[in-house]
């Protein structure tokens, strides 16, 4: 796997995590239903007879609950994978001599920012077009 692939892989894995989190957020409110049950109890004052009490609450359907658990496990696995790729990307960034190029790579590949955001962070000297060109030329040399 090339250095370029490693840099792009981290961003892709993070995007996959965000997609899974959106799916999980959508499921959290689905499959809810009101359920009731009855319990028996005895008061601690006379008359001490056993009484039945109705209770109720909101519960999630078992199939939805199972899918939520699956997604949570998948998200945890993906974040571990993302951490692996981030460490690899950080190793590559450490080898880049130019501080400007390191910042461009960090903003684009590690932070996942869009070009206008990167240009704003870099300052008025840098345009979207110039940053894209520097990035493209650097990746071609990798």
Protein backbone atom coordinates (compact mmCIF):
# COMPACT_ATOMS: atom_id res chain seq x y z
CA UNK A 1 0.00 0.00 0.00
CA UNK A 2 1.43 3.38 -0.98
CA UNK A 3 1.72 6.40 1.29
CA UNK A 4 -1.01 8.08 -0.75
CA UNK A 5 -3.33 5.13 -0.13
CA UNK A 6 -2.61 5.25 3.60
CA UNK A 7 -3.43 8.95 3.78
CA UNK A 8 -6.70 8.43 1.91
CA UNK A 9 -7.61 5.29 3.87
CA UNK A 10 -7.86 7.11 7.19
CA UNK A 11 -10.30 9.67 5.79
CA UNK A 12 -12.38 6.88 4.20
CA UNK A 13 -12.59 4.87 7.44
CA UNK A 14 -13.70 7.98 9.36
CA UNK A 15 -16.39 8.67 6.77
CA UNK A 16 -17.59 5.10 7.17
CA UNK A 17 -17.78 5.60 10.96
CA UNK A 18 -19.90 8.73 10.49
CA UNK A 19 -22.26 6.84 8.17
CA UNK A 20 -22.69 4.05 10.72
CA UNK A 21 -23.31 6.59 13.49
CA UNK A 22 -26.05 8.25 11.44
CA UNK A 23 -27.71 4.88 10.90
CA UNK A 24 -27.44 4.16 14.62
CA UNK A 25 -28.95 7.54 15.54
CA UNK A 26 -31.89 6.83 13.23
CA UNK A 27 -32.52 3.46 14.86
CA UNK A 28 -32.48 4.68 18.46
CA UNK A 29 -36.00 6.15 18.14
CA UNK A 30 -37.44 3.32 16.04
CA UNK A 31 -39.14 0.18 17.20
CA UNK A 32 -40.33 1.72 20.44
CA UNK A 33 -43.58 0.46 21.87
CA UNK A 34 -45.51 0.90 25.08
CA UNK A 35 -45.62 -2.30 27.13
CA UNK A 36 -47.49 -3.14 30.30
CA UNK A 37 -47.21 -5.83 32.92
CA UNK A 38 -48.55 -6.61 36.35
CA UNK A 39 -46.61 -7.25 39.52
CA UNK A 40 -47.75 -8.47 42.90
CA UNK A 41 -46.77 -6.91 46.16
CA UNK A 42 -47.74 -6.60 49.77
CA UNK A 43 -47.90 -3.21 51.50
CA UNK A 44 -45.91 -2.72 54.69
CA UNK A 45 -49.01 -1.55 56.57
CA UNK A 46 -52.27 -3.35 57.44
CA UNK A 47 -54.14 -4.94 55.75
CA UNK A 48 -51.19 -7.02 54.55
CA UNK A 49 -52.90 -8.71 51.61
CA UNK A 50 -51.15 -9.32 48.30
CA UNK A 51 -52.18 -6.81 45.63
CA UNK A 52 -51.62 -6.65 41.92
CA UNK A 53 -50.18 -3.43 40.46
CA UNK A 54 -50.10 -2.49 36.78
CA UNK A 55 -46.77 -1.10 35.47
CA UNK A 56 -45.90 0.20 32.03
CA UNK A 57 -43.09 1.73 30.06
CA UNK A 58 -41.38 2.10 26.72
CA UNK A 59 -39.41 -0.86 25.32
CA UNK A 60 -37.61 -1.41 22.05
CA UNK A 61 -38.51 -4.27 19.76
CA UNK A 62 -35.94 -7.09 20.09
CA UNK A 63 -34.99 -6.98 16.39
CA UNK A 64 -34.24 -3.24 16.56
CA UNK A 65 -32.33 -3.65 19.81
CA UNK A 66 -30.23 -6.41 18.24
CA UNK A 67 -29.41 -4.23 15.21
CA UNK A 68 -28.38 -1.36 17.52
CA UNK A 69 -26.01 -3.69 19.37
CA UNK A 70 -24.56 -4.89 16.06
CA UNK A 71 -24.01 -1.32 14.87
CA UNK A 72 -22.39 -0.31 18.15
CA UNK A 73 -19.94 -3.23 17.87
CA UNK A 74 -19.24 -2.39 14.23
CA UNK A 75 -18.62 1.29 15.05
CA UNK A 76 -16.20 0.34 17.83
CA UNK A 77 -14.31 -1.92 15.42
CA UNK A 78 -14.17 0.82 12.79
CA UNK A 79 -12.82 3.38 15.26
CA UNK A 80 -10.05 0.95 16.20
CA UNK A 81 -9.29 0.58 12.50
CA UNK A 82 -9.34 4.37 12.12
CA UNK A 83 -6.84 4.72 14.96
CA UNK A 84 -4.52 2.29 13.19
CA UNK A 85 -4.70 4.28 9.93
CA UNK A 86 -4.31 7.58 11.75
CA UNK A 87 -1.08 6.36 13.33
CA UNK A 88 0.17 5.31 9.90
CA UNK A 89 -0.78 8.70 8.44
CA UNK A 90 0.96 10.50 11.32
CA UNK A 91 4.12 8.51 10.56
CA UNK A 92 3.99 9.70 6.96
CA UNK A 93 3.39 13.31 8.02
CA UNK A 94 6.44 13.15 10.27
CA UNK A 95 8.61 12.49 7.23
CA UNK A 96 7.40 15.55 5.29
CA UNK A 97 9.99 18.33 5.46
CA UNK A 98 7.79 21.28 4.48
CA UNK A 99 5.71 22.65 7.37
CA UNK A 100 3.21 24.08 4.87
CA UNK A 101 2.75 20.71 3.20
CA UNK A 102 2.41 19.00 6.57
CA UNK A 103 -0.39 21.42 7.50
CA UNK A 104 -2.15 20.90 4.15
CA UNK A 105 -1.92 17.12 4.57
CA UNK A 106 -3.06 17.29 8.20
CA UNK A 107 -6.09 19.45 7.39
CA UNK A 108 -7.07 17.37 4.36
CA UNK A 109 -6.19 13.80 5.35
CA UNK A 110 -6.33 13.79 9.15
CA UNK A 111 -8.96 16.43 9.93
CA UNK A 112 -10.99 15.76 6.77
CA UNK A 113 -11.56 19.46 6.03
CA UNK A 114 -12.78 20.75 2.68
CA UNK A 115 -10.56 23.00 0.56
CA UNK A 116 -12.28 26.32 1.44
CA UNK A 117 -11.87 25.52 5.15
CA UNK A 118 -8.22 24.65 4.64
CA UNK A 119 -7.62 27.90 2.75
CA UNK A 120 -9.24 29.88 5.56
CA UNK A 121 -7.07 28.18 8.19
CA UNK A 122 -3.88 28.62 6.17
CA UNK A 123 -4.38 32.35 5.75
CA UNK A 124 -4.97 34.90 2.99
CA UNK A 125 -1.77 33.97 1.17
CA UNK A 126 -3.29 30.63 0.14
CA UNK A 127 -6.14 30.07 -2.29
CA UNK A 128 -8.19 26.94 -2.79
CA UNK A 129 -6.62 26.44 -6.21
CA UNK A 130 -3.04 26.83 -4.99
CA UNK A 131 -3.61 24.44 -2.09
CA UNK A 132 -5.16 21.82 -4.37
CA UNK A 133 -2.23 22.12 -6.75
CA UNK A 134 0.36 21.75 -3.98
CA UNK A 135 -1.51 18.73 -2.63
CA UNK A 136 -1.80 17.13 -6.05
CA UNK A 137 1.90 17.66 -6.83
CA UNK A 138 2.94 16.26 -3.46
CA UNK A 139 0.82 13.13 -3.89
CA UNK A 140 2.25 12.59 -7.38
CA UNK A 141 5.74 12.58 -5.85
CA UNK A 142 4.84 10.05 -3.15
